[in-house]
N, C-alpha and C. Protein backbone atom coordinates (compact mmCIF):
# COMPACT_ATOMS: atom_id res chain seq x y z
N MET A 1 39.24 -31.14 -31.52
CA MET A 1 38.00 -30.66 -30.98
C MET A 1 37.43 -29.64 -31.96
N THR A 2 36.14 -29.75 -32.22
CA THR A 2 35.51 -28.82 -33.16
C THR A 2 35.23 -27.49 -32.44
N PRO A 3 35.17 -26.40 -33.20
CA PRO A 3 34.90 -25.09 -32.58
C PRO A 3 33.55 -25.07 -31.87
N ARG A 4 32.56 -25.77 -32.42
CA ARG A 4 31.24 -25.77 -31.81
C ARG A 4 31.29 -26.50 -30.45
N PHE A 5 32.02 -27.62 -30.39
CA PHE A 5 32.13 -28.38 -29.15
C PHE A 5 32.91 -27.60 -28.09
N SER A 6 33.98 -26.91 -28.47
CA SER A 6 34.76 -26.12 -27.50
C SER A 6 33.95 -24.94 -26.98
N THR A 7 33.10 -24.35 -27.82
CA THR A 7 32.22 -23.27 -27.37
C THR A 7 31.22 -23.82 -26.36
N PHE A 8 30.70 -25.04 -26.63
CA PHE A 8 29.78 -25.67 -25.70
C PHE A 8 30.44 -25.93 -24.36
N LEU A 9 31.69 -26.44 -24.37
CA LEU A 9 32.42 -26.71 -23.13
C LEU A 9 32.68 -25.42 -22.35
N ALA A 10 33.03 -24.34 -23.04
CA ALA A 10 33.28 -23.06 -22.36
C ALA A 10 31.99 -22.54 -21.72
N ALA A 11 30.89 -22.66 -22.43
CA ALA A 11 29.60 -22.22 -21.89
C ALA A 11 29.20 -23.07 -20.69
N ALA A 12 29.44 -24.37 -20.76
CA ALA A 12 29.10 -25.25 -19.65
C ALA A 12 29.97 -24.94 -18.43
N ALA A 13 31.23 -24.67 -18.64
CA ALA A 13 32.12 -24.34 -17.52
C ALA A 13 31.68 -23.05 -16.84
N LEU A 14 31.29 -22.05 -17.63
CA LEU A 14 30.81 -20.80 -17.04
C LEU A 14 29.51 -21.00 -16.28
N ALA A 15 28.65 -21.85 -16.80
CA ALA A 15 27.36 -22.08 -16.14
C ALA A 15 27.55 -22.81 -14.81
N LEU A 16 28.58 -23.62 -14.70
CA LEU A 16 28.80 -24.39 -13.48
C LEU A 16 29.72 -23.70 -12.48
N ALA A 17 30.25 -22.52 -12.83
CA ALA A 17 31.13 -21.79 -11.90
C ALA A 17 30.33 -21.41 -10.67
N PRO A 18 30.94 -21.51 -9.50
CA PRO A 18 30.22 -21.18 -8.27
C PRO A 18 29.81 -19.71 -8.25
N LEU A 19 28.62 -19.46 -7.74
CA LEU A 19 28.09 -18.10 -7.67
C LEU A 19 28.93 -17.21 -6.76
N THR A 20 29.53 -17.78 -5.72
CA THR A 20 30.29 -16.96 -4.80
C THR A 20 31.51 -16.34 -5.48
N ALA A 21 32.05 -17.00 -6.47
CA ALA A 21 33.19 -16.44 -7.17
C ALA A 21 32.77 -15.26 -8.03
N GLN A 22 31.50 -15.25 -8.50
CA GLN A 22 31.01 -14.18 -9.35
C GLN A 22 30.32 -13.08 -8.55
N ALA A 23 30.09 -13.31 -7.27
CA ALA A 23 29.33 -12.36 -6.45
C ALA A 23 30.02 -11.01 -6.43
N GLN A 24 29.26 -9.98 -6.71
CA GLN A 24 29.75 -8.62 -6.65
C GLN A 24 28.87 -7.82 -5.73
N VAL A 25 29.45 -6.84 -5.08
CA VAL A 25 28.70 -5.96 -4.22
C VAL A 25 28.69 -4.60 -4.90
N SER A 26 27.51 -4.10 -5.19
CA SER A 26 27.41 -2.82 -5.88
C SER A 26 26.42 -1.92 -5.16
N ALA A 27 26.48 -0.65 -5.48
CA ALA A 27 25.56 0.32 -4.88
C ALA A 27 24.13 -0.12 -5.11
N GLY A 28 23.31 0.03 -4.08
CA GLY A 28 21.91 -0.36 -4.17
C GLY A 28 21.62 -1.77 -3.69
N THR A 29 22.68 -2.56 -3.47
CA THR A 29 22.48 -3.92 -2.98
C THR A 29 22.01 -3.87 -1.53
N ASP A 30 20.97 -4.63 -1.20
CA ASP A 30 20.51 -4.77 0.18
C ASP A 30 21.10 -6.04 0.76
N LEU A 31 21.76 -5.91 1.90
CA LEU A 31 22.35 -7.04 2.61
C LEU A 31 21.59 -7.24 3.91
N VAL A 32 21.20 -8.48 4.18
CA VAL A 32 20.39 -8.79 5.37
C VAL A 32 21.16 -9.79 6.23
N GLY A 33 21.23 -9.51 7.54
CA GLY A 33 21.93 -10.41 8.46
C GLY A 33 21.38 -10.27 9.86
N ASN A 34 22.06 -10.91 10.81
CA ASN A 34 21.62 -10.92 12.20
C ASN A 34 22.68 -10.32 13.11
N MET A 35 22.24 -9.48 14.05
CA MET A 35 23.14 -8.89 15.05
C MET A 35 23.72 -10.03 15.88
N THR A 36 25.01 -9.98 16.15
CA THR A 36 25.61 -11.02 16.97
C THR A 36 25.60 -10.65 18.45
N GLN A 37 25.32 -9.38 18.76
CA GLN A 37 25.25 -8.93 20.15
C GLN A 37 24.13 -7.90 20.28
N SER A 38 23.76 -7.62 21.50
CA SER A 38 22.73 -6.62 21.78
C SER A 38 23.41 -5.27 21.99
N ILE A 39 22.77 -4.19 21.51
CA ILE A 39 23.28 -2.85 21.75
C ILE A 39 22.15 -2.02 22.36
N ASN A 40 22.48 -1.22 23.38
CA ASN A 40 21.48 -0.41 24.06
C ASN A 40 21.99 1.03 24.11
N SER A 41 21.09 1.99 23.83
CA SER A 41 21.51 3.39 23.82
C SER A 41 21.93 3.89 25.20
N GLY A 42 21.56 3.19 26.25
CA GLY A 42 21.96 3.58 27.60
C GLY A 42 23.38 3.19 27.94
N SER A 43 23.94 2.20 27.24
CA SER A 43 25.28 1.72 27.59
C SER A 43 26.26 1.73 26.41
N ALA A 44 25.79 1.93 25.20
CA ALA A 44 26.68 1.92 24.03
C ALA A 44 27.57 3.16 24.03
N VAL A 45 28.73 3.03 23.40
CA VAL A 45 29.65 4.16 23.26
C VAL A 45 30.06 4.30 21.80
N VAL A 46 30.34 5.52 21.39
CA VAL A 46 30.78 5.77 20.02
C VAL A 46 32.06 4.98 19.78
N GLY A 47 32.12 4.30 18.66
CA GLY A 47 33.28 3.47 18.31
C GLY A 47 33.11 2.01 18.67
N GLN A 48 32.09 1.68 19.47
CA GLN A 48 31.86 0.28 19.86
C GLN A 48 31.64 -0.56 18.61
N ARG A 49 32.34 -1.69 18.53
CA ARG A 49 32.26 -2.59 17.38
C ARG A 49 30.91 -3.30 17.34
N VAL A 50 30.39 -3.46 16.13
CA VAL A 50 29.13 -4.15 15.89
C VAL A 50 29.39 -5.17 14.79
N ILE A 51 28.92 -6.40 14.98
CA ILE A 51 29.09 -7.45 13.97
C ILE A 51 27.71 -7.96 13.58
N ILE A 52 27.51 -8.04 12.27
CA ILE A 52 26.27 -8.57 11.71
C ILE A 52 26.66 -9.84 10.95
N GLY A 53 26.18 -10.98 11.42
CA GLY A 53 26.57 -12.26 10.83
C GLY A 53 25.50 -12.86 9.94
N ASN A 54 25.87 -13.96 9.29
CA ASN A 54 24.96 -14.70 8.41
C ASN A 54 24.32 -13.77 7.37
N VAL A 55 25.13 -12.92 6.79
CA VAL A 55 24.66 -11.90 5.84
C VAL A 55 24.45 -12.50 4.47
N HIS A 56 23.35 -12.11 3.85
CA HIS A 56 23.08 -12.54 2.48
C HIS A 56 22.45 -11.37 1.71
N SER A 57 22.65 -11.41 0.40
CA SER A 57 22.00 -10.42 -0.46
C SER A 57 20.61 -10.93 -0.80
N GLN A 58 19.75 -10.03 -1.23
CA GLN A 58 18.37 -10.41 -1.56
C GLN A 58 18.32 -11.45 -2.67
N ASP A 59 19.27 -11.38 -3.62
CA ASP A 59 19.29 -12.35 -4.72
C ASP A 59 20.11 -13.60 -4.38
N ASN A 60 20.63 -13.68 -3.17
CA ASN A 60 21.44 -14.80 -2.67
C ASN A 60 22.73 -15.03 -3.44
N ASN A 61 23.22 -14.01 -4.17
CA ASN A 61 24.55 -14.12 -4.77
C ASN A 61 25.61 -14.08 -3.67
N ILE A 62 25.28 -13.43 -2.56
CA ILE A 62 26.16 -13.39 -1.40
C ILE A 62 25.43 -14.11 -0.28
N THR A 63 26.09 -15.09 0.33
CA THR A 63 25.51 -15.81 1.47
C THR A 63 26.62 -16.09 2.48
N GLY A 64 26.26 -16.13 3.75
CA GLY A 64 27.21 -16.48 4.80
C GLY A 64 28.30 -15.46 5.03
N ALA A 65 28.05 -14.21 4.67
CA ALA A 65 29.06 -13.16 4.84
C ALA A 65 28.95 -12.52 6.23
N THR A 66 29.89 -11.64 6.53
CA THR A 66 29.90 -10.92 7.81
C THR A 66 30.13 -9.44 7.55
N ILE A 67 29.29 -8.60 8.19
CA ILE A 67 29.47 -7.16 8.11
C ILE A 67 30.08 -6.69 9.43
N TYR A 68 31.10 -5.85 9.32
CA TYR A 68 31.72 -5.22 10.49
C TYR A 68 31.33 -3.76 10.47
N ALA A 69 30.85 -3.26 11.60
CA ALA A 69 30.37 -1.90 11.71
C ALA A 69 30.75 -1.35 13.08
N HIS A 70 30.30 -0.13 13.36
CA HIS A 70 30.55 0.47 14.67
C HIS A 70 29.44 1.45 15.01
N VAL A 71 29.30 1.73 16.29
CA VAL A 71 28.34 2.75 16.74
C VAL A 71 28.97 4.09 16.42
N CYS A 72 28.31 4.89 15.58
CA CYS A 72 28.89 6.20 15.23
C CYS A 72 28.16 7.36 15.89
N ASP A 73 26.99 7.10 16.47
CA ASP A 73 26.29 8.13 17.24
C ASP A 73 25.38 7.43 18.23
N VAL A 74 25.34 7.95 19.45
CA VAL A 74 24.49 7.36 20.49
C VAL A 74 24.01 8.48 21.40
N GLN A 75 22.77 8.35 21.83
CA GLN A 75 22.21 9.30 22.78
C GLN A 75 21.39 8.51 23.80
N SER A 76 21.78 8.62 25.05
CA SER A 76 21.05 7.96 26.11
C SER A 76 19.74 8.71 26.36
N ALA A 77 18.69 7.97 26.65
CA ALA A 77 17.39 8.59 26.89
C ALA A 77 17.40 9.33 28.22
N GLY A 78 16.56 10.33 28.31
CA GLY A 78 16.43 11.09 29.54
C GLY A 78 15.14 11.88 29.51
N GLN A 79 14.99 12.81 30.42
CA GLN A 79 13.80 13.63 30.48
C GLN A 79 13.69 14.47 29.21
N GLY A 80 12.70 14.17 28.37
CA GLY A 80 12.50 14.91 27.13
C GLY A 80 13.46 14.56 26.01
N ARG A 81 14.30 13.56 26.20
CA ARG A 81 15.31 13.19 25.20
C ARG A 81 15.20 11.70 24.91
N ALA A 82 14.81 11.36 23.68
CA ALA A 82 14.66 9.96 23.29
C ALA A 82 16.03 9.30 23.09
N GLY A 83 16.11 8.00 23.36
CA GLY A 83 17.32 7.25 23.10
C GLY A 83 17.54 7.11 21.60
N LYS A 84 18.81 7.11 21.18
CA LYS A 84 19.13 7.03 19.76
C LYS A 84 20.41 6.22 19.57
N LEU A 85 20.42 5.39 18.53
CA LEU A 85 21.60 4.61 18.13
C LEU A 85 21.80 4.76 16.64
N GLU A 86 23.02 5.04 16.22
CA GLU A 86 23.32 5.06 14.79
C GLU A 86 24.51 4.14 14.55
N ILE A 87 24.35 3.26 13.57
CA ILE A 87 25.40 2.30 13.24
C ILE A 87 25.98 2.65 11.87
N CYS A 88 27.30 2.74 11.80
CA CYS A 88 27.99 3.01 10.54
C CYS A 88 28.67 1.72 10.07
N VAL A 89 28.51 1.43 8.80
CA VAL A 89 29.01 0.18 8.21
C VAL A 89 30.44 0.41 7.70
N ASP A 90 31.32 -0.55 7.99
CA ASP A 90 32.72 -0.42 7.62
C ASP A 90 33.18 -1.41 6.54
N LYS A 91 32.87 -2.70 6.75
CA LYS A 91 33.51 -3.72 5.91
C LYS A 91 32.59 -4.93 5.77
N LEU A 92 32.72 -5.63 4.65
CA LEU A 92 32.01 -6.89 4.40
C LEU A 92 33.04 -7.94 4.03
N ASN A 93 33.01 -9.06 4.75
CA ASN A 93 33.84 -10.22 4.39
C ASN A 93 32.90 -11.29 3.85
N THR A 94 33.13 -11.71 2.61
CA THR A 94 32.28 -12.74 2.01
C THR A 94 32.82 -14.12 2.37
N ARG A 95 31.97 -15.11 2.21
CA ARG A 95 32.37 -16.49 2.51
C ARG A 95 33.47 -16.95 1.56
N SER A 96 33.49 -16.39 0.35
CA SER A 96 34.51 -16.80 -0.63
C SER A 96 35.87 -16.17 -0.35
N GLY A 97 35.95 -15.28 0.68
CA GLY A 97 37.23 -14.69 1.05
C GLY A 97 37.45 -13.28 0.56
N ASN A 98 36.50 -12.71 -0.17
CA ASN A 98 36.63 -11.34 -0.63
C ASN A 98 36.28 -10.38 0.50
N THR A 99 36.98 -9.24 0.51
CA THR A 99 36.73 -8.20 1.50
C THR A 99 36.39 -6.92 0.77
N TYR A 100 35.32 -6.26 1.21
CA TYR A 100 34.88 -5.00 0.63
C TYR A 100 34.84 -3.93 1.71
N ILE A 101 35.38 -2.76 1.40
CA ILE A 101 35.19 -1.58 2.25
C ILE A 101 33.82 -1.04 1.85
N LEU A 102 32.94 -0.90 2.83
CA LEU A 102 31.56 -0.50 2.53
C LEU A 102 31.24 0.89 3.04
N ASP A 103 30.46 1.58 2.25
CA ASP A 103 29.76 2.77 2.71
C ASP A 103 28.29 2.38 2.56
N GLY A 104 27.60 2.26 3.67
CA GLY A 104 26.21 1.82 3.61
C GLY A 104 25.43 2.40 4.76
N ARG A 105 24.13 2.20 4.70
CA ARG A 105 23.29 2.69 5.78
C ARG A 105 22.33 1.60 6.21
N VAL A 106 22.05 1.57 7.50
CA VAL A 106 21.08 0.61 8.03
C VAL A 106 19.70 1.15 7.67
N ILE A 107 18.94 0.36 6.90
CA ILE A 107 17.60 0.80 6.50
C ILE A 107 16.51 0.01 7.21
N GLY A 108 16.90 -0.99 7.99
CA GLY A 108 15.92 -1.75 8.75
C GLY A 108 16.59 -2.50 9.88
N ALA A 109 15.96 -2.43 11.05
CA ALA A 109 16.47 -3.16 12.22
C ALA A 109 15.34 -3.30 13.22
N GLN A 110 15.39 -4.37 13.98
CA GLN A 110 14.42 -4.56 15.06
C GLN A 110 14.91 -3.71 16.22
N VAL A 111 14.21 -2.62 16.50
CA VAL A 111 14.58 -1.73 17.59
C VAL A 111 13.49 -1.82 18.65
N ASN A 112 13.88 -2.15 19.86
CA ASN A 112 12.93 -2.26 20.96
C ASN A 112 13.07 -1.06 21.89
N THR A 113 11.92 -0.53 22.27
CA THR A 113 11.86 0.54 23.26
C THR A 113 10.94 0.08 24.37
N LYS A 114 11.40 0.23 25.60
CA LYS A 114 10.60 -0.17 26.76
C LYS A 114 9.29 0.61 26.77
N ASN A 115 8.20 -0.08 27.09
CA ASN A 115 6.89 0.56 27.18
C ASN A 115 6.87 1.47 28.40
N ASN A 116 6.39 2.70 28.23
CA ASN A 116 6.41 3.71 29.29
C ASN A 116 5.07 3.82 30.03
N THR A 117 4.09 2.95 29.71
CA THR A 117 2.74 3.06 30.27
C THR A 117 2.75 2.95 31.79
N LEU A 118 3.51 2.01 32.33
CA LEU A 118 3.55 1.84 33.79
C LEU A 118 4.12 3.09 34.46
N ASN A 119 5.16 3.68 33.87
CA ASN A 119 5.72 4.92 34.42
C ASN A 119 4.70 6.05 34.39
N GLU A 120 3.95 6.14 33.28
CA GLU A 120 2.95 7.20 33.15
C GLU A 120 1.85 7.05 34.20
N ALA A 121 1.38 5.83 34.40
CA ALA A 121 0.34 5.59 35.41
C ALA A 121 0.88 5.89 36.80
N GLY A 122 2.09 5.44 37.09
CA GLY A 122 2.71 5.71 38.39
C GLY A 122 2.91 7.19 38.61
N GLY A 123 3.30 7.91 37.56
CA GLY A 123 3.48 9.36 37.67
C GLY A 123 2.17 10.07 37.97
N ALA A 124 1.10 9.60 37.34
CA ALA A 124 -0.22 10.21 37.59
C ALA A 124 -0.66 9.96 39.03
N VAL A 125 -0.47 8.75 39.54
CA VAL A 125 -0.87 8.43 40.92
C VAL A 125 -0.02 9.23 41.91
N ALA A 126 1.31 9.25 41.69
CA ALA A 126 2.18 10.00 42.60
C ALA A 126 1.84 11.48 42.56
N GLY A 127 1.57 12.00 41.37
CA GLY A 127 1.19 13.41 41.23
C GLY A 127 -0.13 13.71 41.92
N MET A 128 -1.08 12.77 41.82
CA MET A 128 -2.37 12.97 42.46
C MET A 128 -2.21 13.04 43.98
N ILE A 129 -1.42 12.15 44.53
CA ILE A 129 -1.19 12.13 45.98
C ILE A 129 -0.53 13.43 46.42
N LEU A 130 0.54 13.81 45.73
CA LEU A 130 1.23 15.04 46.06
C LEU A 130 0.31 16.25 45.87
N GLY A 131 -0.46 16.24 44.79
CA GLY A 131 -1.41 17.35 44.53
C GLY A 131 -2.47 17.46 45.61
N ASN A 132 -2.97 16.31 46.10
CA ASN A 132 -3.96 16.32 47.18
C ASN A 132 -3.37 16.92 48.45
N ILE A 133 -2.15 16.55 48.78
CA ILE A 133 -1.51 17.07 49.99
C ILE A 133 -1.34 18.58 49.88
N LEU A 134 -0.80 19.02 48.74
CA LEU A 134 -0.59 20.46 48.55
C LEU A 134 -1.92 21.20 48.44
N GLY A 135 -2.90 20.60 47.78
CA GLY A 135 -4.21 21.23 47.60
C GLY A 135 -4.92 21.46 48.93
N LYS A 136 -4.84 20.50 49.79
CA LYS A 136 -5.49 20.64 51.10
C LYS A 136 -4.82 21.75 51.92
N ARG A 137 -3.51 21.88 51.80
CA ARG A 137 -2.81 22.96 52.51
C ARG A 137 -3.18 24.33 51.95
N LEU A 138 -3.47 24.35 50.64
CA LEU A 138 -3.85 25.62 50.02
C LEU A 138 -5.36 25.87 50.07
N GLY A 139 -6.10 24.89 50.57
CA GLY A 139 -7.54 25.03 50.71
C GLY A 139 -8.33 24.80 49.43
N THR A 140 -7.82 23.94 48.53
CA THR A 140 -8.56 23.62 47.31
C THR A 140 -8.67 22.10 47.17
N ASN A 141 -9.73 21.66 46.52
CA ASN A 141 -9.92 20.23 46.26
C ASN A 141 -9.42 19.83 44.88
N ALA A 142 -8.92 20.77 44.10
CA ALA A 142 -8.46 20.50 42.74
C ALA A 142 -7.00 20.07 42.69
N GLY A 143 -6.32 20.05 43.81
CA GLY A 143 -4.90 19.70 43.83
C GLY A 143 -4.61 18.32 43.28
N GLY A 144 -5.47 17.35 43.61
CA GLY A 144 -5.27 15.99 43.11
C GLY A 144 -5.35 15.91 41.60
N LEU A 145 -6.32 16.62 41.01
CA LEU A 145 -6.50 16.62 39.55
C LEU A 145 -5.28 17.23 38.86
N PHE A 146 -4.86 18.41 39.37
CA PHE A 146 -3.69 19.06 38.77
C PHE A 146 -2.42 18.24 39.00
N GLY A 147 -2.29 17.64 40.16
CA GLY A 147 -1.14 16.80 40.45
C GLY A 147 -1.08 15.57 39.56
N ALA A 148 -2.25 14.94 39.35
CA ALA A 148 -2.30 13.76 38.48
C ALA A 148 -1.90 14.12 37.06
N ALA A 149 -2.41 15.25 36.57
CA ALA A 149 -2.06 15.68 35.20
C ALA A 149 -0.57 15.99 35.11
N GLY A 150 -0.04 16.70 36.10
CA GLY A 150 1.38 17.04 36.09
C GLY A 150 2.27 15.81 36.18
N GLY A 151 1.91 14.88 37.05
CA GLY A 151 2.68 13.65 37.20
C GLY A 151 2.68 12.81 35.94
N TYR A 152 1.51 12.74 35.28
CA TYR A 152 1.41 12.00 34.03
C TYR A 152 2.30 12.64 32.96
N LEU A 153 2.21 13.95 32.81
CA LEU A 153 2.99 14.64 31.79
C LEU A 153 4.49 14.51 32.04
N TYR A 154 4.89 14.58 33.30
CA TYR A 154 6.30 14.42 33.63
C TYR A 154 6.78 13.02 33.23
N ALA A 155 6.00 12.01 33.59
CA ALA A 155 6.37 10.62 33.27
C ALA A 155 6.31 10.38 31.76
N LYS A 156 5.35 11.00 31.08
CA LYS A 156 5.22 10.85 29.63
C LYS A 156 6.45 11.40 28.93
N ASN A 157 7.04 12.43 29.49
CA ASN A 157 8.19 13.08 28.89
C ASN A 157 9.50 12.36 29.23
N ALA A 158 9.46 11.41 30.15
CA ALA A 158 10.65 10.64 30.50
C ALA A 158 10.81 9.54 29.45
N LYS A 159 11.72 9.74 28.52
CA LYS A 159 11.91 8.83 27.38
C LYS A 159 12.70 7.59 27.79
N GLN A 160 12.58 6.54 27.00
CA GLN A 160 13.23 5.26 27.28
C GLN A 160 14.37 5.02 26.29
N ASN A 161 15.36 4.24 26.71
CA ASN A 161 16.46 3.86 25.84
C ASN A 161 15.97 2.86 24.80
N VAL A 162 16.68 2.80 23.68
CA VAL A 162 16.36 1.84 22.63
C VAL A 162 17.40 0.73 22.64
N THR A 163 16.96 -0.46 22.23
CA THR A 163 17.83 -1.63 22.19
C THR A 163 17.66 -2.33 20.85
N ILE A 164 18.77 -2.71 20.25
CA ILE A 164 18.74 -3.63 19.11
C ILE A 164 19.22 -4.95 19.68
N PRO A 165 18.30 -5.92 19.84
CA PRO A 165 18.69 -7.17 20.52
C PRO A 165 19.55 -8.08 19.65
N ALA A 166 20.30 -8.95 20.31
CA ALA A 166 21.09 -9.96 19.60
C ALA A 166 20.15 -10.82 18.77
N ASN A 167 20.62 -11.28 17.65
CA ASN A 167 19.89 -12.13 16.68
C ASN A 167 18.80 -11.39 15.93
N SER A 168 18.63 -10.08 16.14
CA SER A 168 17.61 -9.37 15.39
C SER A 168 18.09 -9.17 13.95
N VAL A 169 17.14 -9.09 13.04
CA VAL A 169 17.43 -8.93 11.62
C VAL A 169 17.76 -7.47 11.33
N VAL A 170 18.86 -7.25 10.61
CA VAL A 170 19.30 -5.92 10.23
C VAL A 170 19.48 -5.90 8.72
N THR A 171 18.97 -4.85 8.07
CA THR A 171 19.12 -4.69 6.62
C THR A 171 20.01 -3.47 6.35
N VAL A 172 21.05 -3.67 5.55
CA VAL A 172 21.99 -2.61 5.20
C VAL A 172 21.90 -2.39 3.69
N GLN A 173 21.74 -1.13 3.29
CA GLN A 173 21.77 -0.80 1.86
C GLN A 173 23.16 -0.28 1.53
N VAL A 174 23.78 -0.88 0.53
CA VAL A 174 25.13 -0.50 0.12
C VAL A 174 25.05 0.79 -0.70
N LEU A 175 25.82 1.80 -0.29
CA LEU A 175 25.92 3.04 -1.06
C LEU A 175 27.13 2.99 -1.99
N GLU A 176 28.22 2.38 -1.47
CA GLU A 176 29.43 2.21 -2.27
C GLU A 176 30.22 1.04 -1.69
N ALA A 177 30.82 0.25 -2.56
CA ALA A 177 31.64 -0.88 -2.13
C ALA A 177 32.93 -0.90 -2.93
N ARG A 178 34.06 -1.00 -2.23
CA ARG A 178 35.35 -1.09 -2.89
C ARG A 178 36.03 -2.37 -2.45
N ARG A 179 36.33 -3.23 -3.41
CA ARG A 179 36.96 -4.51 -3.08
C ARG A 179 38.40 -4.28 -2.70
N GLN A 180 38.81 -4.88 -1.58
CA GLN A 180 40.19 -4.79 -1.13
C GLN A 180 41.00 -5.87 -1.84
N ALA A 181 42.23 -5.55 -2.12
CA ALA A 181 43.13 -6.53 -2.73
C ALA A 181 43.42 -7.62 -1.71
N ALA A 182 43.55 -8.85 -2.19
CA ALA A 182 43.88 -9.99 -1.30
C ALA A 182 45.25 -9.79 -0.72
N ARG A 183 45.41 -10.20 0.54
CA ARG A 183 46.71 -10.03 1.21
C ARG A 183 47.45 -11.32 1.26
């Protein structure tokens, strides 16, 4: 075999090597996948497992991977307190069998918050009724107006829980990735 022909064969073999074998996860890589379950700030607990499936990198060097994560901070919504969910990324398993310990952050997710308009309107009506009753006892006609304003503000301040629904798209930015040795 001539040196030129063997160089050609080596180059051809490298060009035909599967991309998954060459796939590397490095800092700055964005990984996009789908939530396999729904999480709600009203019922989630710290430590709850989260799985993001069908993960791929933007350049498609990684496809069909799975990210394992957990809820690392949660706050249930309440009066004057908005619902909050924080997901911490733990591990990435690639389709080719490689496992990476990940330090990453969720930079995009479909987060749904219940619309509070109906509560605000109901609060205003209930406040107006209560204000009218109290106003008449105090001998003023302004009770309904003040009651409506107070009821609206109370309902406006009643925050709603947030939900990341199943199958929603989640984007994780890799801060650091360490490949685990095969077992």
